[in-house]
């Protein structure tokens, strides 16, 4: 019973994080929500007994992609400040 409630909460959290990542206007918040979505997805893969996919999602989906997106947001903000 508790496992079902946790799985439903996890599914709702995944939908919420995806919706927030796609609809927010602030790029920094969108990247943070993308990372949160990736970590929740890694947890979902672990709940589905797929630890290899969970590790790959956490490392690549949340970690590497998040770092690259943060770097891109930094470059966009720096480029916006340098315009006359």
PDB file of N, CA and C in Angstrom:
ATOM      1  N   UNK A   1       0.822  -1.195   0.000  1.00  0.00           N
ATOM      2  CA  UNK A   1       0.000   0.000   0.000  1.00  0.00           C
ATOM      3  C   UNK A   1       0.865   1.258   0.000  1.00  0.00           C
ATOM      4  N   UNK A   2       1.918   1.243   0.839  1.00  0.00           N
ATOM      5  CA  UNK A   2       2.807   2.407   0.907  1.00  0.00           C
ATOM      6  C   UNK A   2       3.595   2.539  -0.399  1.00  0.00           C
ATOM      7  N   UNK A   3       3.984   1.406  -0.986  1.00  0.00           N
ATOM      8  CA  UNK A   3       4.725   1.446  -2.245  1.00  0.00           C
ATOM      9  C   UNK A   3       3.872   2.041  -3.361  1.00  0.00           C
ATOM     10  N   UNK A   4       2.597   1.702  -3.396  1.00  0.00           N
ATOM     11  CA  UNK A   4       1.700   2.266  -4.410  1.00  0.00           C
ATOM     12  C   UNK A   4       1.553   3.773  -4.223  1.00  0.00           C
ATOM     13  N   UNK A   5       1.418   4.214  -2.986  1.00  0.00           N
ATOM     14  CA  UNK A   5       1.307   5.648  -2.715  1.00  0.00           C
ATOM     15  C   UNK A   5       2.586   6.378  -3.125  1.00  0.00           C
ATOM     16  N   UNK A   6       3.749   5.768  -2.847  1.00  0.00           N
ATOM     17  CA  UNK A   6       5.013   6.377  -3.249  1.00  0.00           C
ATOM     18  C   UNK A   6       5.121   6.451  -4.768  1.00  0.00           C
ATOM     19  N   UNK A   7       4.730   5.400  -5.470  1.00  0.00           N
ATOM     20  CA  UNK A   7       4.789   5.388  -6.928  1.00  0.00           C
ATOM     21  C   UNK A   7       3.862   6.439  -7.527  1.00  0.00           C
ATOM     22  N   UNK A   8       2.686   6.607  -6.957  1.00  0.00           N
ATOM     23  CA  UNK A   8       1.764   7.637  -7.446  1.00  0.00           C
ATOM     24  C   UNK A   8       2.321   9.031  -7.186  1.00  0.00           C
ATOM     25  N   UNK A   9       2.922   9.234  -6.025  1.00  0.00           N
ATOM     26  CA  UNK A   9       3.548  10.514  -5.721  1.00  0.00           C
ATOM     27  C   UNK A   9       4.722  10.781  -6.663  1.00  0.00           C
ATOM     28  N   UNK A  10       5.490   9.765  -6.967  1.00  0.00           N
ATOM     29  CA  UNK A  10       6.608   9.894  -7.900  1.00  0.00           C
ATOM     30  C   UNK A  10       6.114  10.246  -9.295  1.00  0.00           C
ATOM     31  N   UNK A  11       5.060   9.600  -9.759  1.00  0.00           N
ATOM     32  CA  UNK A  11       4.498   9.904 -11.079  1.00  0.00           C
ATOM     33  C   UNK A  11       3.964  11.332 -11.133  1.00  0.00           C
ATOM     34  N   UNK A  12       3.280  11.750 -10.080  1.00  0.00           N
ATOM     35  CA  UNK A  12       2.775  13.124 -10.042  1.00  0.00           C
ATOM     36  C   UNK A  12       3.920  14.127 -10.015  1.00  0.00           C
ATOM     37  N   UNK A  13       4.985  13.815  -9.283  1.00  0.00           N
ATOM     38  CA  UNK A  13       6.153  14.698  -9.222  1.00  0.00           C
ATOM     39  C   UNK A  13       6.843  14.794 -10.578  1.00  0.00           C
ATOM     40  N   UNK A  14       6.923  13.684 -11.296  1.00  0.00           N
ATOM     41  CA  UNK A  14       7.507  13.701 -12.638  1.00  0.00           C
ATOM     42  C   UNK A  14       6.705  14.596 -13.576  1.00  0.00           C
ATOM     43  N   UNK A  15       5.394  14.467 -13.538  1.00  0.00           N
ATOM     44  CA  UNK A  15       4.551  15.302 -14.388  1.00  0.00           C
ATOM     45  C   UNK A  15       4.679  16.778 -14.016  1.00  0.00           C
ATOM     46  N   UNK A  16       4.711  17.067 -12.716  1.00  0.00           N
ATOM     47  CA  UNK A  16       4.840  18.441 -12.257  1.00  0.00           C
ATOM     48  C   UNK A  16       6.180  19.039 -12.695  1.00  0.00           C
ATOM     49  N   UNK A  17       7.269  18.296 -12.511  1.00  0.00           N
ATOM     50  CA  UNK A  17       8.593  18.796 -12.880  1.00  0.00           C
ATOM     51  C   UNK A  17       8.697  19.019 -14.383  1.00  0.00           C
ATOM     52  N   UNK A  18       8.149  18.112 -15.169  1.00  0.00           N
ATOM     53  CA  UNK A  18       8.185  18.275 -16.626  1.00  0.00           C
ATOM     54  C   UNK A  18       7.374  19.497 -17.043  1.00  0.00           C
ATOM     55  N   UNK A  19       6.204  19.670 -16.465  1.00  0.00           N
ATOM     56  CA  UNK A  19       5.363  20.811 -16.795  1.00  0.00           C
ATOM     57  C   UNK A  19       6.055  22.118 -16.432  1.00  0.00           C
ATOM     58  N   UNK A  20       6.655  22.171 -15.239  1.00  0.00           N
ATOM     59  CA  UNK A  20       7.330  23.397 -14.807  1.00  0.00           C
ATOM     60  C   UNK A  20       8.564  23.695 -15.666  1.00  0.00           C
ATOM     61  N   UNK A  21       9.287  22.649 -16.057  1.00  0.00           N
ATOM     62  CA  UNK A  21      10.476  22.867 -16.883  1.00  0.00           C
ATOM     63  C   UNK A  21      10.098  23.411 -18.262  1.00  0.00           C
ATOM     64  N   UNK A  22       8.964  23.005 -18.768  1.00  0.00           N
ATOM     65  CA  UNK A  22       8.549  23.443 -20.098  1.00  0.00           C
ATOM     66  C   UNK A  22       7.833  24.778 -20.113  1.00  0.00           C
ATOM     67  N   UNK A  23       7.232  25.184 -19.000  1.00  0.00           N
ATOM     68  CA  UNK A  23       6.405  26.391 -19.016  1.00  0.00           C
ATOM     69  C   UNK A  23       7.036  27.594 -18.336  1.00  0.00           C
ATOM     70  N   UNK A  24       8.123  27.434 -17.611  1.00  0.00           N
ATOM     71  CA  UNK A  24       8.723  28.584 -16.948  1.00  0.00           C
ATOM     72  C   UNK A  24       9.426  29.475 -17.965  1.00  0.00           C
ATOM     73  N   UNK A  25       9.407  30.768 -17.702  1.00  0.00           N
ATOM     74  CA  UNK A  25      10.025  31.716 -18.619  1.00  0.00           C
ATOM     75  C   UNK A  25      11.485  31.991 -18.280  1.00  0.00           C
ATOM     76  N   UNK A  26      11.883  31.735 -17.040  1.00  0.00           N
ATOM     77  CA  UNK A  26      13.259  31.950 -16.609  1.00  0.00           C
ATOM     78  C   UNK A  26      14.102  30.728 -16.979  1.00  0.00           C
ATOM     79  N   UNK A  27      15.165  30.960 -17.743  1.00  0.00           N
ATOM     80  CA  UNK A  27      15.995  29.844 -18.213  1.00  0.00           C
ATOM     81  C   UNK A  27      16.678  29.115 -17.067  1.00  0.00           C
ATOM     82  N   UNK A  28      17.133  29.843 -16.053  1.00  0.00           N
ATOM     83  CA  UNK A  28      17.807  29.206 -14.923  1.00  0.00           C
ATOM     84  C   UNK A  28      16.849  28.245 -14.210  1.00  0.00           C
ATOM     85  N   UNK A  29      15.629  28.687 -13.963  1.00  0.00           N
ATOM     86  CA  UNK A  29      14.643  27.818 -13.313  1.00  0.00           C
ATOM     87  C   UNK A  29      14.296  26.624 -14.198  1.00  0.00           C
ATOM     88  N   UNK A  30      14.245  26.840 -15.497  1.00  0.00           N
ATOM     89  CA  UNK A  30      13.943  25.730 -16.409  1.00  0.00           C
ATOM     90  C   UNK A  30      15.026  24.659 -16.330  1.00  0.00           C
ATOM     91  N   UNK A  31      16.277  25.073 -16.251  1.00  0.00           N
ATOM     92  CA  UNK A  31      17.381  24.112 -16.144  1.00  0.00           C
ATOM     93  C   UNK A  31      17.322  23.381 -14.806  1.00  0.00           C
ATOM     94  N   UNK A  32      17.019  24.101 -13.741  1.00  0.00           N
ATOM     95  CA  UNK A  32      16.901  23.461 -12.427  1.00  0.00           C
ATOM     96  C   UNK A  32      15.778  22.428 -12.458  1.00  0.00           C
ATOM     97  N   UNK A  33      14.656  22.775 -13.057  1.00  0.00           N
ATOM     98  CA  UNK A  33      13.538  21.833 -13.125  1.00  0.00           C
ATOM     99  C   UNK A  33      13.881  20.646 -14.026  1.00  0.00           C
ATOM    100  N   UNK A  34      14.682  20.870 -15.067  1.00  0.00           N
ATOM    101  CA  UNK A  34      15.137  19.770 -15.909  1.00  0.00           C
ATOM    102  C   UNK A  34      15.997  18.799 -15.107  1.00  0.00           C
ATOM    103  N   UNK A  35      16.860  19.331 -14.253  1.00  0.00           N
ATOM    104  CA  UNK A  35      17.706  18.482 -13.419  1.00  0.00           C
ATOM    105  C   UNK A  35      16.854  17.729 -12.401  1.00  0.00           C
ATOM    106  N   UNK A  36      15.889  18.410 -11.808  1.00  0.00           N
ATOM    107  CA  UNK A  36      14.979  17.748 -10.869  1.00  0.00           C
ATOM    108  C   UNK A  36      14.230  16.628 -11.576  1.00  0.00           C
ATOM    109  N   UNK A  37      13.762  16.890 -12.797  1.00  0.00           N
ATOM    110  CA  UNK A  37      13.082  15.857 -13.566  1.00  0.00           C
ATOM    111  C   UNK A  37      14.001  14.666 -13.818  1.00  0.00           C
ATOM    112  N   UNK A  38      15.253  14.937 -14.175  1.00  0.00           N
ATOM    113  CA  UNK A  38      16.208  13.853 -14.409  1.00  0.00           C
ATOM    114  C   UNK A  38      16.459  13.010 -13.176  1.00  0.00           C
ATOM    115  N   UNK A  39      16.561  13.652 -12.027  1.00  0.00           N
ATOM    116  CA  UNK A  39      16.778  12.901 -10.788  1.00  0.00           C
ATOM    117  C   UNK A  39      15.537  12.096 -10.395  1.00  0.00           C
ATOM    118  N   UNK A  40      14.365  12.671 -10.592  1.00  0.00           N
ATOM    119  CA  UNK A  40      13.137  11.916 -10.330  1.00  0.00           C
ATOM    120  C   UNK A  40      12.994  10.745 -11.295  1.00  0.00           C
ATOM    121  N   UNK A  41      13.409  10.961 -12.538  1.00  0.00           N
ATOM    122  CA  UNK A  41      13.344   9.874 -13.516  1.00  0.00           C
ATOM    123  C   UNK A  41      14.319   8.765 -13.151  1.00  0.00           C
ATOM    124  N   UNK A  42      15.480   9.124 -12.622  1.00  0.00           N
ATOM    125  CA  UNK A  42      16.429   8.115 -12.153  1.00  0.00           C
ATOM    126  C   UNK A  42      15.820   7.313 -11.008  1.00  0.00           C
ATOM    127  N   UNK A  43      15.102   7.989 -10.125  1.00  0.00           N
ATOM    128  CA  UNK A  43      14.427   7.287  -9.041  1.00  0.00           C
ATOM    129  C   UNK A  43      13.338   6.359  -9.583  1.00  0.00           C
ATOM    130  N   UNK A  44      12.639   6.809 -10.606  1.00  0.00           N
ATOM    131  CA  UNK A  44      11.609   5.960 -11.213  1.00  0.00           C
ATOM    132  C   UNK A  44      12.236   4.715 -11.844  1.00  0.00           C
ATOM    133  N   UNK A  45      13.380   4.880 -12.521  1.00  0.00           N
ATOM    134  CA  UNK A  45      14.052   3.718 -13.108  1.00  0.00           C
ATOM    135  C   UNK A  45      14.503   2.751 -12.016  1.00  0.00           C
ATOM    136  N   UNK A  46      14.967   3.301 -10.902  1.00  0.00           N
ATOM    137  CA  UNK A  46      15.381   2.432  -9.796  1.00  0.00           C
ATOM    138  C   UNK A  46      14.180   1.676  -9.229  1.00  0.00           C
ATOM    139  N   UNK A  47      13.037   2.334  -9.132  1.00  0.00           N
ATOM    140  CA  UNK A  47      11.819   1.669  -8.653  1.00  0.00           C
ATOM    141  C   UNK A  47      11.366   0.573  -9.615  1.00  0.00           C
ATOM    142  N   UNK A  48      11.693   0.718 -10.892  1.00  0.00           N
ATOM    143  CA  UNK A  48      11.338  -0.290 -11.891  1.00  0.00           C
ATOM    144  C   UNK A  48      12.400  -1.378 -12.019  1.00  0.00           C
ATOM    145  N   UNK A  49      13.324  -1.427 -11.063  1.00  0.00           N
ATOM    146  CA  UNK A  49      14.394  -2.424 -11.029  1.00  0.00           C
ATOM    147  C   UNK A  49      15.287  -2.374 -12.266  1.00  0.00           C
ATOM    148  N   UNK A  50      15.636  -1.166 -12.660  1.00  0.00           N
ATOM    149  CA  UNK A  50      16.567  -0.967 -13.771  1.00  0.00           C
ATOM    150  C   UNK A  50      17.702  -0.058 -13.282  1.00  0.00           C
ATOM    151  N   UNK A  51      18.599  -0.610 -12.454  1.00  0.00           N
ATOM    152  CA  UNK A  51      19.636   0.243 -11.873  1.00  0.00           C
ATOM    153  C   UNK A  51      20.622   0.801 -12.899  1.00  0.00           C
ATOM    154  N   UNK A  52      20.844   0.078 -13.991  1.00  0.00           N
ATOM    155  CA  UNK A  52      21.749   0.588 -15.015  1.00  0.00           C
ATOM    156  C   UNK A  52      21.172   1.838 -15.676  1.00  0.00           C
ATOM    157  N   UNK A  53      19.878   1.827 -15.959  1.00  0.00           N
ATOM    158  CA  UNK A  53      19.239   3.009 -16.532  1.00  0.00           C
ATOM    159  C   UNK A  53      19.160   4.141 -15.523  1.00  0.00           C
ATOM    160  N   UNK A  54      18.945   3.805 -14.262  1.00  0.00           N
ATOM    161  CA  UNK A  54      18.882   4.830 -13.217  1.00  0.00           C
ATOM    162  C   UNK A  54      20.222   5.556 -13.095  1.00  0.00           C
ATOM    163  N   UNK A  55      21.323   4.810 -13.102  1.00  0.00           N
ATOM    164  CA  UNK A  55      22.640   5.440 -13.022  1.00  0.00           C
ATOM    165  C   UNK A  55      22.943   6.274 -14.257  1.00  0.00           C
ATOM    166  N   UNK A  56      22.585   5.763 -15.429  1.00  0.00           N
ATOM    167  CA  UNK A  56      22.817   6.514 -16.658  1.00  0.00           C
ATOM    168  C   UNK A  56      21.988   7.798 -16.672  1.00  0.00           C
ATOM    169  N   UNK A  57      20.747   7.721 -16.235  1.00  0.00           N
ATOM    170  CA  UNK A  57      19.891   8.905 -16.189  1.00  0.00           C
ATOM    171  C   UNK A  57      20.436   9.941 -15.218  1.00  0.00           C
ATOM    172  N   UNK A  58      20.876   9.492 -14.059  1.00  0.00           N
ATOM    173  CA  UNK A  58      21.407  10.428 -13.070  1.00  0.00           C
ATOM    174  C   UNK A  58      22.713  11.063 -13.563  1.00  0.00           C
ATOM    175  N   UNK A  59      23.580  10.263 -14.154  1.00  0.00           N
ATOM    176  CA  UNK A  59      24.878  10.778 -14.579  1.00  0.00           C
ATOM    177  C   UNK A  59      24.783  11.630 -15.839  1.00  0.00           C
ATOM    178  N   UNK A  60      24.074  11.147 -16.831  1.00  0.00           N
ATOM    179  CA  UNK A  60      24.018  11.850 -18.111  1.00  0.00           C
ATOM    180  C   UNK A  60      22.850  12.827 -18.150  1.00  0.00           C
ATOM    181  N   UNK A  61      21.656  12.338 -17.809  1.00  0.00           N
ATOM    182  CA  UNK A  61      20.468  13.176 -17.919  1.00  0.00           C
ATOM    183  C   UNK A  61      20.465  14.345 -16.972  1.00  0.00           C
ATOM    184  N   UNK A  62      20.774  14.110 -15.710  1.00  0.00           N
ATOM    185  CA  UNK A  62      20.757  15.196 -14.734  1.00  0.00           C
ATOM    186  C   UNK A  62      22.126  15.846 -14.598  1.00  0.00           C
ATOM    187  N   UNK A  63      23.169  15.053 -14.546  1.00  0.00           N
ATOM    188  CA  UNK A  63      24.501  15.600 -14.293  1.00  0.00           C
ATOM    189  C   UNK A  63      25.133  16.311 -15.463  1.00  0.00           C
ATOM    190  N   UNK A  64      25.463  15.590 -16.484  1.00  0.00           N
ATOM    191  CA  UNK A  64      26.182  16.156 -17.624  1.00  0.00           C
ATOM    192  C   UNK A  64      25.330  17.148 -18.401  1.00  0.00           C
ATOM    193  N   UNK A  65      24.115  16.755 -18.727  1.00  0.00           N
ATOM    194  CA  UNK A  65      23.243  17.657 -19.487  1.00  0.00           C
ATOM    195  C   UNK A  65      22.919  18.908 -18.672  1.00  0.00           C
ATOM    196  N   UNK A  66      22.706  18.747 -17.372  1.00  0.00           N
ATOM    197  CA  UNK A  66      22.439  19.909 -16.532  1.00  0.00           C
ATOM    198  C   UNK A  66      23.609  20.872 -16.493  1.00  0.00           C
ATOM    199  N   UNK A  67      24.811  20.346 -16.372  1.00  0.00           N
ATOM    200  CA  UNK A  67      25.998  21.198 -16.353  1.00  0.00           C
ATOM    201  C   UNK A  67      26.160  21.938 -17.678  1.00  0.00           C
ATOM    202  N   UNK A  68      25.935  21.259 -18.789  1.00  0.00           N
ATOM    203  CA  UNK A  68      26.034  21.913 -20.099  1.00  0.00           C
ATOM    204  C   UNK A  68      24.964  22.981 -20.275  1.00  0.00           C
ATOM    205  N   UNK A  69      23.761  22.704 -19.784  1.00  0.00           N
ATOM    206  CA  UNK A  69      22.697  23.708 -19.881  1.00  0.00           C
ATOM    207  C   UNK A  69      22.990  24.915 -18.993  1.00  0.00           C
ATOM    208  N   UNK A  70      23.523  24.696 -17.790  1.00  0.00           N
ATOM    209  CA  UNK A  70      23.911  25.819 -16.939  1.00  0.00           C
ATOM    210  C   UNK A  70      24.986  26.666 -17.611  1.00  0.00           C
ATOM    211  N   UNK A  71      25.940  26.012 -18.263  1.00  0.00           N
ATOM    212  CA  UNK A  71      26.980  26.733 -18.988  1.00  0.00           C
ATOM    213  C   UNK A  71      26.367  27.559 -20.120  1.00  0.00           C
ATOM    214  N   UNK A  72      25.404  27.000 -20.818  1.00  0.00           N
ATOM    215  CA  UNK A  72      24.734  27.728 -21.902  1.00  0.00           C
ATOM    216  C   UNK A  72      23.976  28.936 -21.377  1.00  0.00           C
ATOM    217  N   UNK A  73      23.293  28.776 -20.254  1.00  0.00           N
ATOM    218  CA  UNK A  73      22.574  29.907 -19.656  1.00  0.00           C
ATOM    219  C   UNK A  73      23.566  30.997 -19.252  1.00  0.00           C
ATOM    220  N   UNK A  74      24.703  30.621 -18.713  1.00  0.00           N
ATOM    221  CA  UNK A  74      25.731  31.596 -18.353  1.00  0.00           C
ATOM    222  C   UNK A  74      26.242  32.357 -19.556  1.00  0.00           C
ATOM    223  N   UNK A  75      26.454  31.653 -20.663  1.00  0.00           N
ATOM    224  CA  UNK A  75      26.913  32.312 -21.880  1.00  0.00           C
ATOM    225  C   UNK A  75      25.840  33.252 -22.433  1.00  0.00           C
ATOM    226  N   UNK A  76      24.590  32.846 -22.368  1.00  0.00           N
ATOM    227  CA  UNK A  76      23.510  33.705 -22.842  1.00  0.00           C
ATOM    228  C   UNK A  76      23.398  34.969 -21.995  1.00  0.00           C
ATOM    229  N   UNK A  77      23.531  34.830 -20.678  1.00  0.00           N
ATOM    230  CA  UNK A  77      23.459  36.007 -19.807  1.00  0.00           C
ATOM    231  C   UNK A  77      24.644  36.929 -20.025  1.00  0.00           C
ATOM    232  N   UNK A  78      25.832  36.366 -20.211  1.00  0.00           N
ATOM    233  CA  UNK A  78      27.014  37.193 -20.459  1.00  0.00           C
ATOM    234  C   UNK A  78      26.899  37.890 -21.806  1.00  0.00           C
ATOM    235  N   UNK A  79      26.365  37.222 -22.773  1.00  0.00           N
ATOM    236  CA  UNK A  79      26.188  37.820 -24.105  1.00  0.00           C
ATOM    237  C   UNK A  79      25.160  38.939 -24.045  1.00  0.00           C
ATOM    238  N   UNK A  80      24.119  38.746 -23.242  1.00  0.00           N
ATOM    239  CA  UNK A  80      23.102  39.795 -23.102  1.00  0.00           C
ATOM    240  C   UNK A  80      23.641  41.039 -22.418  1.00  0.00           C
ATOM    241  N   UNK A  81      24.584  40.880 -21.478  1.00  0.00           N
ATOM    242  CA  UNK A  81      25.160  42.031 -20.788  1.00  0.00           C
ATOM    243  C   UNK A  81      26.123  42.790 -21.664  1.00  0.00           C
ATOM    244  N   UNK A  82      26.756  42.126 -22.630  1.00  0.00           N
ATOM    245  CA  UNK A  82      27.769  42.778 -23.457  1.00  0.00           C
ATOM    246  C   UNK A  82      27.173  43.538 -24.635  1.00  0.00           C
ATOM    247  N   UNK A  83      25.889  43.388 -24.863  1.00  0.00           N
ATOM    248  CA  UNK A  83      25.266  44.135 -25.965  1.00  0.00           C
ATOM    249  C   UNK A  83      25.130  45.606 -25.609  1.00  0.00           C
ATOM    250  N   UNK A  84      25.309  46.478 -26.602  1.00  0.00           N
ATOM    251  CA  UNK A  84      25.200  47.920 -26.340  1.00  0.00           C
ATOM    252  C   UNK A  84      23.778  48.365 -26.133  1.00  0.00           C
TER     253      UNK A  84
END
